[in-house]
C-alpha cells in the first residue's frame, strides 16, 4: 500500500488543530553534497542539520526519543505564497523513536543562522506546529508553522 501524505492545503481545508512542539537543540552539523547528475543550477546541496533529544508535544499527542531537523534552502516566494505540497516543511515519524523534520527557509536566513549557531548553539530553539490529522496511520505531515529563534548569550535582558 502506498503511503499517503496530505498537503498543507488539505490540512488547512480540514481546519485541523495543530499541536506545538518545542525542540531543544543538542547538536549542529553542516555539509555539502555535490553530484554531477544534479541540474546545472543545483550541483551543490549544502545542508544545515540540528539535532534534538527526546521531545513531546504540548498535549502529548506526539512524542519522540530524538528529532533530526534539516533546514532546507528554498526560494522565499514559495514560503510567502505557500506554494507546493509542504511549503513550510514537514515532519516524518514513520520511525516511532526518531522523527525527521524538514524546515524550508530562505538563503539569507540560513546564512545568518549558520553564522550565529557556529558561535553558540545554546541560544538556538525551534518550535513547530504539527497538525492533528484525522488518520492516525499517516506518519508524514506538513508543518502548519515553525519558529527558529537564535538568542545570543550576550543579549541584554529587558528591564
N, C-alpha and C. Protein backbone atom coordinates (compact mmCIF):
# COMPACT_ATOMS: atom_id res chain seq x y z
N UNK A 1 0.84 -1.18 0.00
CA UNK A 1 0.00 0.00 0.00
C UNK A 1 0.89 1.25 0.00
N UNK A 2 0.57 2.18 -0.86
CA UNK A 2 1.34 3.41 -0.95
C UNK A 2 1.05 4.31 0.25
N UNK A 3 2.08 4.91 0.78
CA UNK A 3 1.91 5.83 1.91
C UNK A 3 1.29 7.13 1.44
N UNK A 4 0.33 7.62 2.19
CA UNK A 4 -0.36 8.85 1.84
C UNK A 4 0.16 9.97 2.73
N UNK A 5 0.50 11.09 2.12
CA UNK A 5 0.97 12.26 2.85
C UNK A 5 0.11 13.46 2.45
N UNK A 6 -0.71 13.99 3.35
CA UNK A 6 -1.56 15.12 3.00
C UNK A 6 -0.73 16.39 2.77
N UNK A 7 -1.26 17.27 1.96
CA UNK A 7 -0.61 18.55 1.70
C UNK A 7 -1.05 19.56 2.76
N UNK A 8 -0.33 20.67 2.83
CA UNK A 8 -0.73 21.74 3.74
C UNK A 8 -2.12 22.25 3.37
N UNK A 9 -2.39 22.34 2.09
CA UNK A 9 -3.71 22.80 1.64
C UNK A 9 -4.82 21.88 2.15
N UNK A 10 -4.60 20.56 2.10
CA UNK A 10 -5.60 19.61 2.63
C UNK A 10 -5.79 19.79 4.13
N UNK A 11 -4.69 19.92 4.85
CA UNK A 11 -4.76 20.09 6.30
C UNK A 11 -5.51 21.37 6.65
N UNK A 12 -5.20 22.46 5.93
CA UNK A 12 -5.88 23.72 6.20
C UNK A 12 -7.36 23.63 5.84
N UNK A 13 -7.69 22.91 4.76
CA UNK A 13 -9.07 22.73 4.35
C UNK A 13 -9.89 21.95 5.37
N UNK A 14 -9.24 21.04 6.08
CA UNK A 14 -9.91 20.25 7.12
C UNK A 14 -9.99 21.01 8.44
N UNK A 15 -9.38 22.18 8.48
CA UNK A 15 -9.34 23.01 9.69
C UNK A 15 -8.80 22.22 10.90
N UNK A 16 -7.73 21.51 10.66
CA UNK A 16 -7.10 20.72 11.71
C UNK A 16 -6.49 21.64 12.77
N UNK A 17 -6.60 21.24 13.99
CA UNK A 17 -5.87 21.92 15.05
C UNK A 17 -4.41 21.53 14.91
N UNK A 18 -3.53 22.39 15.38
CA UNK A 18 -2.13 21.98 15.38
C UNK A 18 -1.63 21.94 16.81
N UNK A 19 -0.65 21.10 16.99
CA UNK A 19 -0.09 20.91 18.32
C UNK A 19 1.36 21.37 18.33
N UNK A 20 1.68 22.35 19.18
CA UNK A 20 3.05 22.85 19.25
C UNK A 20 4.01 21.83 19.87
N UNK A 21 5.24 21.84 19.39
CA UNK A 21 6.30 21.03 19.97
C UNK A 21 7.56 21.87 20.04
N UNK A 22 8.16 21.94 21.21
CA UNK A 22 9.43 22.63 21.42
C UNK A 22 10.55 21.62 21.22
N UNK A 23 11.55 21.99 20.45
CA UNK A 23 12.69 21.13 20.19
C UNK A 23 13.94 21.79 20.76
N UNK A 24 14.59 21.11 21.68
CA UNK A 24 15.79 21.64 22.32
C UNK A 24 17.01 21.11 21.57
N UNK A 25 17.81 22.02 21.06
CA UNK A 25 18.92 21.67 20.18
C UNK A 25 20.11 21.15 21.00
N UNK A 26 20.57 19.94 20.65
CA UNK A 26 21.70 19.33 21.34
C UNK A 26 22.94 19.24 20.45
N UNK A 27 22.77 19.44 19.16
CA UNK A 27 23.91 19.36 18.26
C UNK A 27 23.61 20.02 16.94
N UNK A 28 24.66 20.36 16.23
CA UNK A 28 24.52 21.00 14.93
C UNK A 28 25.58 20.41 14.00
N UNK A 29 25.20 20.20 12.75
CA UNK A 29 26.17 19.76 11.75
C UNK A 29 25.81 20.41 10.42
N UNK A 30 26.80 20.51 9.58
CA UNK A 30 26.57 21.11 8.27
C UNK A 30 27.49 20.45 7.28
N UNK A 31 27.15 20.57 6.04
CA UNK A 31 27.97 19.98 5.00
C UNK A 31 27.44 20.34 3.63
N UNK A 32 27.93 19.62 2.64
CA UNK A 32 27.52 19.86 1.27
C UNK A 32 27.53 18.53 0.54
N UNK A 33 26.60 18.36 -0.35
CA UNK A 33 26.55 17.18 -1.20
C UNK A 33 26.51 17.68 -2.63
N UNK A 34 27.53 17.37 -3.39
CA UNK A 34 27.58 17.80 -4.78
C UNK A 34 27.59 16.56 -5.67
N UNK A 35 26.81 16.61 -6.72
CA UNK A 35 26.74 15.47 -7.64
C UNK A 35 26.60 15.99 -9.06
N UNK A 36 27.39 15.46 -9.96
CA UNK A 36 27.39 15.94 -11.34
C UNK A 36 26.08 15.69 -12.06
N UNK A 37 25.26 14.77 -11.58
CA UNK A 37 23.99 14.48 -12.25
C UNK A 37 22.87 15.42 -11.83
N UNK A 38 23.12 16.29 -10.86
CA UNK A 38 22.09 17.26 -10.48
C UNK A 38 21.94 18.29 -11.59
N UNK A 39 20.86 19.02 -11.55
CA UNK A 39 20.63 20.08 -12.54
C UNK A 39 21.76 21.09 -12.46
N UNK A 40 22.04 21.73 -13.57
CA UNK A 40 23.18 22.65 -13.66
C UNK A 40 23.16 23.72 -12.59
N UNK A 41 21.99 24.20 -12.20
CA UNK A 41 21.95 25.26 -11.19
C UNK A 41 21.83 24.72 -9.77
N UNK A 42 21.90 23.39 -9.60
CA UNK A 42 21.80 22.83 -8.25
C UNK A 42 22.78 21.68 -8.04
N UNK A 43 23.98 21.82 -8.60
CA UNK A 43 25.01 20.79 -8.42
C UNK A 43 25.30 20.59 -6.95
N UNK A 44 25.43 21.68 -6.23
CA UNK A 44 25.76 21.65 -4.81
C UNK A 44 24.49 21.71 -3.97
N UNK A 45 24.45 20.92 -2.90
CA UNK A 45 23.29 20.91 -2.00
C UNK A 45 23.77 21.05 -0.56
N UNK A 46 24.12 22.28 -0.14
CA UNK A 46 24.56 22.46 1.24
C UNK A 46 23.41 22.19 2.21
N UNK A 47 23.75 21.73 3.40
CA UNK A 47 22.71 21.47 4.38
C UNK A 47 23.14 21.94 5.76
N UNK A 48 22.15 22.22 6.58
CA UNK A 48 22.35 22.55 7.99
C UNK A 48 21.41 21.64 8.75
N UNK A 49 21.97 20.87 9.67
CA UNK A 49 21.19 19.90 10.43
C UNK A 49 21.31 20.20 11.91
N UNK A 50 20.17 20.17 12.58
CA UNK A 50 20.12 20.36 14.03
C UNK A 50 19.61 19.07 14.66
N UNK A 51 20.18 18.70 15.78
CA UNK A 51 19.75 17.51 16.50
C UNK A 51 19.05 17.92 17.78
N UNK A 52 18.01 17.17 18.11
CA UNK A 52 17.26 17.42 19.34
C UNK A 52 17.07 16.09 20.06
N UNK A 53 17.08 16.14 21.37
CA UNK A 53 16.85 14.95 22.16
C UNK A 53 15.37 14.61 22.23
N UNK A 54 14.99 13.90 23.27
CA UNK A 54 13.60 13.50 23.46
C UNK A 54 12.69 14.73 23.48
N UNK A 55 11.58 14.63 22.76
CA UNK A 55 10.65 15.75 22.64
C UNK A 55 9.22 15.24 22.70
N UNK A 56 8.38 16.06 23.31
CA UNK A 56 6.95 15.72 23.45
C UNK A 56 6.14 16.97 23.13
N UNK A 57 5.09 16.82 22.35
CA UNK A 57 4.24 17.97 22.02
C UNK A 57 3.47 18.41 23.25
N UNK A 58 2.93 19.62 23.20
CA UNK A 58 2.31 20.22 24.39
C UNK A 58 1.18 19.40 24.98
N UNK A 59 0.40 18.71 24.14
CA UNK A 59 -0.72 17.92 24.64
C UNK A 59 -0.41 16.43 24.66
N UNK A 60 0.81 16.05 24.32
CA UNK A 60 1.24 14.66 24.40
C UNK A 60 0.83 13.78 23.23
N UNK A 61 0.27 14.37 22.18
CA UNK A 61 -0.13 13.58 21.01
C UNK A 61 1.08 12.99 20.30
N UNK A 62 2.16 13.75 20.24
CA UNK A 62 3.38 13.32 19.56
C UNK A 62 4.52 13.27 20.56
N UNK A 63 5.29 12.18 20.50
CA UNK A 63 6.43 12.02 21.40
C UNK A 63 7.51 11.22 20.68
N UNK A 64 8.74 11.74 20.71
CA UNK A 64 9.85 11.11 20.00
C UNK A 64 11.07 11.04 20.91
N UNK A 65 11.86 9.99 20.75
CA UNK A 65 13.11 9.85 21.51
C UNK A 65 14.16 10.84 21.03
N UNK A 66 14.15 11.13 19.74
CA UNK A 66 15.10 12.08 19.15
C UNK A 66 14.49 12.67 17.89
N UNK A 67 14.95 13.86 17.53
CA UNK A 67 14.47 14.54 16.33
C UNK A 67 15.67 15.09 15.58
N UNK A 68 15.69 14.86 14.28
CA UNK A 68 16.69 15.46 13.40
C UNK A 68 15.98 16.52 12.58
N UNK A 69 16.50 17.73 12.60
CA UNK A 69 15.90 18.85 11.90
C UNK A 69 16.81 19.24 10.73
N UNK A 70 16.27 19.16 9.54
CA UNK A 70 17.01 19.57 8.34
C UNK A 70 16.47 20.93 7.91
N UNK A 71 17.35 21.90 7.82
CA UNK A 71 16.97 23.23 7.34
C UNK A 71 17.30 23.29 5.86
N UNK A 72 16.27 23.45 5.04
CA UNK A 72 16.42 23.38 3.60
C UNK A 72 16.25 24.76 2.97
N UNK A 73 17.12 25.08 2.05
CA UNK A 73 17.04 26.37 1.37
C UNK A 73 16.00 26.32 0.26
N UNK A 74 15.07 27.28 0.30
CA UNK A 74 14.05 27.40 -0.74
C UNK A 74 13.93 28.87 -1.14
N UNK A 75 13.29 29.11 -2.25
CA UNK A 75 13.01 30.46 -2.70
C UNK A 75 11.99 31.09 -1.76
N UNK A 76 12.21 32.32 -1.38
CA UNK A 76 11.32 33.00 -0.43
C UNK A 76 9.88 33.08 -0.89
N UNK A 77 9.65 33.17 -2.20
CA UNK A 77 8.27 33.29 -2.69
C UNK A 77 7.47 32.02 -2.45
N UNK A 78 8.12 30.86 -2.45
CA UNK A 78 7.37 29.62 -2.21
C UNK A 78 6.86 29.57 -0.77
N UNK A 79 7.58 30.18 0.16
CA UNK A 79 7.11 30.25 1.54
C UNK A 79 6.01 31.30 1.64
N UNK A 80 6.26 32.48 1.12
CA UNK A 80 5.29 33.58 1.21
C UNK A 80 3.96 33.23 0.56
N UNK A 81 4.00 32.51 -0.56
CA UNK A 81 2.79 32.18 -1.30
C UNK A 81 2.26 30.79 -0.98
N UNK A 82 2.89 30.11 -0.02
CA UNK A 82 2.51 28.74 0.35
C UNK A 82 2.39 27.84 -0.88
N UNK A 83 3.44 27.85 -1.70
CA UNK A 83 3.47 27.06 -2.92
C UNK A 83 4.01 25.67 -2.64
N UNK A 84 3.40 24.67 -3.25
CA UNK A 84 3.86 23.30 -3.12
C UNK A 84 3.10 22.54 -2.06
N UNK A 85 3.44 21.27 -1.93
CA UNK A 85 2.71 20.38 -1.01
C UNK A 85 3.00 20.70 0.45
N UNK A 86 4.23 20.99 0.76
CA UNK A 86 4.63 21.30 2.15
C UNK A 86 5.52 22.54 2.14
N UNK A 87 4.97 23.71 1.88
CA UNK A 87 5.80 24.90 1.68
C UNK A 87 6.58 25.35 2.91
N UNK A 88 6.13 25.01 4.10
CA UNK A 88 6.86 25.39 5.31
C UNK A 88 7.78 24.28 5.79
N UNK A 89 7.53 23.08 5.32
CA UNK A 89 8.30 21.92 5.73
C UNK A 89 7.38 20.79 6.13
N UNK A 90 7.96 19.75 6.70
CA UNK A 90 7.16 18.60 7.10
C UNK A 90 7.85 17.82 8.22
N UNK A 91 7.05 16.97 8.88
CA UNK A 91 7.57 16.08 9.90
C UNK A 91 7.25 14.66 9.49
N UNK A 92 8.26 13.79 9.55
CA UNK A 92 8.12 12.39 9.19
C UNK A 92 8.44 11.57 10.44
N UNK A 93 7.47 10.76 10.89
CA UNK A 93 7.69 9.95 12.08
C UNK A 93 7.29 8.50 11.86
N UNK A 94 7.71 7.95 10.70
CA UNK A 94 7.50 6.52 10.45
C UNK A 94 8.30 5.68 11.43
N UNK A 95 9.47 6.16 11.81
CA UNK A 95 10.25 5.52 12.87
C UNK A 95 9.72 6.09 14.18
N UNK A 96 9.15 5.25 15.02
CA UNK A 96 8.48 5.74 16.23
C UNK A 96 9.43 6.42 17.22
N UNK A 97 10.71 6.14 17.13
CA UNK A 97 11.67 6.74 18.06
C UNK A 97 12.36 7.98 17.50
N UNK A 98 12.48 8.06 16.19
CA UNK A 98 13.25 9.14 15.56
C UNK A 98 12.39 9.86 14.53
N UNK A 99 12.15 11.13 14.76
CA UNK A 99 11.39 11.95 13.80
C UNK A 99 12.36 12.78 12.98
N UNK A 100 12.00 13.00 11.73
CA UNK A 100 12.76 13.88 10.85
C UNK A 100 11.88 15.07 10.52
N UNK A 101 12.40 16.27 10.74
CA UNK A 101 11.67 17.50 10.44
C UNK A 101 12.45 18.24 9.37
N UNK A 102 11.77 18.58 8.29
CA UNK A 102 12.35 19.44 7.25
C UNK A 102 11.71 20.81 7.39
N UNK A 103 12.54 21.83 7.52
CA UNK A 103 12.06 23.20 7.61
C UNK A 103 12.58 23.97 6.40
N UNK A 104 11.67 24.59 5.67
CA UNK A 104 12.03 25.38 4.49
C UNK A 104 12.34 26.81 4.93
N UNK A 105 13.47 27.32 4.50
CA UNK A 105 13.88 28.67 4.88
C UNK A 105 14.63 29.32 3.73
N UNK A 106 14.72 30.63 3.78
CA UNK A 106 15.43 31.36 2.72
C UNK A 106 16.94 31.31 2.93
N UNK A 107 17.68 31.52 1.87
CA UNK A 107 19.14 31.51 1.93
C UNK A 107 19.65 32.56 2.92
N UNK A 108 19.08 33.75 2.89
CA UNK A 108 19.52 34.81 3.80
C UNK A 108 19.37 34.41 5.25
N UNK A 109 18.23 33.83 5.58
CA UNK A 109 18.02 33.40 6.96
C UNK A 109 19.00 32.29 7.34
N UNK A 110 19.17 31.31 6.46
CA UNK A 110 20.08 30.20 6.76
C UNK A 110 21.51 30.69 6.93
N UNK A 111 21.94 31.65 6.12
CA UNK A 111 23.29 32.21 6.26
C UNK A 111 23.47 32.86 7.63
N UNK A 112 22.50 33.67 8.04
CA UNK A 112 22.59 34.34 9.35
C UNK A 112 22.54 33.32 10.49
N UNK A 113 21.66 32.35 10.38
CA UNK A 113 21.54 31.32 11.42
C UNK A 113 22.82 30.51 11.53
N UNK A 114 23.39 30.15 10.40
CA UNK A 114 24.61 29.37 10.37
C UNK A 114 25.74 30.11 11.09
N UNK A 115 25.91 31.38 10.79
CA UNK A 115 26.97 32.17 11.43
C UNK A 115 26.75 32.27 12.93
N UNK A 116 25.53 32.51 13.35
CA UNK A 116 25.23 32.63 14.78
C UNK A 116 25.41 31.30 15.50
N UNK A 117 24.91 30.23 14.90
CA UNK A 117 24.95 28.92 15.55
C UNK A 117 26.37 28.38 15.68
N UNK A 118 27.28 28.81 14.80
CA UNK A 118 28.67 28.38 14.92
C UNK A 118 29.28 28.85 16.23
N UNK A 119 28.83 29.99 16.72
CA UNK A 119 29.39 30.57 17.93
C UNK A 119 28.71 30.06 19.20
N UNK A 120 27.42 29.74 19.12
CA UNK A 120 26.70 29.35 20.34
C UNK A 120 25.38 28.69 19.97
N UNK A 121 25.35 27.37 19.95
CA UNK A 121 24.09 26.69 19.63
C UNK A 121 23.14 26.71 20.82
N UNK A 122 23.64 27.07 22.01
CA UNK A 122 22.80 27.13 23.20
C UNK A 122 21.70 28.16 23.08
N UNK A 123 21.88 29.15 22.22
CA UNK A 123 20.87 30.17 22.03
C UNK A 123 19.85 29.83 20.96
N UNK A 124 19.91 28.62 20.43
CA UNK A 124 19.05 28.22 19.32
C UNK A 124 17.87 27.40 19.81
N UNK A 125 16.67 27.78 19.38
CA UNK A 125 15.48 26.99 19.72
C UNK A 125 14.58 26.88 18.50
N UNK A 126 13.84 25.79 18.45
CA UNK A 126 12.93 25.52 17.34
C UNK A 126 11.60 25.08 17.91
N UNK A 127 10.52 25.67 17.39
CA UNK A 127 9.16 25.23 17.72
C UNK A 127 8.44 24.96 16.40
N UNK A 128 7.66 23.88 16.39
CA UNK A 128 6.92 23.53 15.19
C UNK A 128 5.45 23.29 15.52
N UNK A 129 4.60 23.45 14.52
CA UNK A 129 3.19 23.13 14.64
C UNK A 129 2.89 21.89 13.82
N UNK A 130 2.45 20.81 14.49
CA UNK A 130 2.11 19.56 13.82
C UNK A 130 0.59 19.43 13.80
N UNK A 131 -0.01 19.25 12.62
CA UNK A 131 -1.46 19.14 12.57
C UNK A 131 -1.95 17.83 13.18
N UNK A 132 -3.07 17.90 13.87
CA UNK A 132 -3.71 16.69 14.40
C UNK A 132 -4.58 16.11 13.29
N UNK A 133 -3.96 15.32 12.43
CA UNK A 133 -4.62 14.77 11.25
C UNK A 133 -5.56 13.65 11.65
N UNK A 134 -6.66 13.51 10.95
CA UNK A 134 -7.73 12.58 11.31
C UNK A 134 -7.36 11.11 11.14
N UNK A 135 -6.36 10.81 10.33
CA UNK A 135 -5.99 9.41 10.09
C UNK A 135 -4.67 9.11 10.80
N UNK A 136 -4.73 8.33 11.85
CA UNK A 136 -3.54 8.08 12.67
C UNK A 136 -2.47 7.28 11.95
N UNK A 137 -2.82 6.57 10.87
CA UNK A 137 -1.81 5.80 10.15
C UNK A 137 -0.88 6.69 9.32
N UNK A 138 -1.26 7.94 9.12
CA UNK A 138 -0.42 8.88 8.37
C UNK A 138 0.72 9.33 9.28
N UNK A 139 1.94 9.13 8.84
CA UNK A 139 3.12 9.43 9.66
C UNK A 139 4.03 10.47 9.03
N UNK A 140 3.50 11.22 8.08
CA UNK A 140 4.26 12.30 7.45
C UNK A 140 3.29 13.44 7.20
N UNK A 141 3.49 14.54 7.91
CA UNK A 141 2.54 15.65 7.88
C UNK A 141 3.24 16.97 7.58
N UNK A 142 2.55 17.88 6.89
CA UNK A 142 3.13 19.19 6.65
C UNK A 142 3.15 20.01 7.93
N UNK A 143 4.16 20.85 8.09
CA UNK A 143 4.17 21.77 9.22
C UNK A 143 3.15 22.87 8.97
N UNK A 144 2.40 23.24 10.01
CA UNK A 144 1.45 24.35 9.87
C UNK A 144 2.12 25.67 10.23
N UNK A 145 3.20 25.62 10.98
CA UNK A 145 4.00 26.80 11.30
C UNK A 145 5.32 26.34 11.90
N UNK A 146 6.27 27.24 11.94
CA UNK A 146 7.52 26.97 12.66
C UNK A 146 8.11 28.27 13.15
N UNK A 147 8.94 28.15 14.17
CA UNK A 147 9.75 29.26 14.68
C UNK A 147 11.16 28.74 14.87
N UNK A 148 12.11 29.40 14.29
CA UNK A 148 13.52 29.12 14.53
C UNK A 148 14.08 30.41 15.09
N UNK A 149 14.53 30.36 16.33
CA UNK A 149 14.95 31.58 17.02
C UNK A 149 16.36 31.38 17.56
N UNK A 150 17.17 32.40 17.38
CA UNK A 150 18.50 32.40 17.97
C UNK A 150 18.62 33.62 18.87
N UNK A 151 18.95 33.40 20.13
CA UNK A 151 19.24 34.48 21.08
C UNK A 151 20.64 34.27 21.60
N UNK A 152 21.51 35.25 21.39
CA UNK A 152 22.88 35.11 21.86
C UNK A 152 22.93 35.27 23.37
N UNK A 153 23.96 34.72 23.97
CA UNK A 153 24.14 34.81 25.43
C UNK A 153 24.36 36.24 25.88
N UNK A 154 24.83 37.11 24.99
CA UNK A 154 25.14 38.48 25.40
C UNK A 154 24.01 39.46 25.06
N UNK A 155 22.80 38.95 24.76
CA UNK A 155 21.67 39.84 24.52
C UNK A 155 21.25 40.46 25.85
N UNK A 156 21.16 41.79 25.92
CA UNK A 156 20.77 42.43 27.19
C UNK A 156 19.35 42.02 27.59
N UNK A 157 19.15 41.83 28.87
CA UNK A 157 17.83 41.49 29.40
C UNK A 157 16.92 42.70 29.31
N UNK A 158 15.64 42.46 29.04
CA UNK A 158 14.67 43.56 29.05
C UNK A 158 14.43 43.99 30.48
N UNK A 159 14.39 45.28 30.68
CA UNK A 159 14.17 45.78 32.04
C UNK A 159 12.74 46.17 32.24
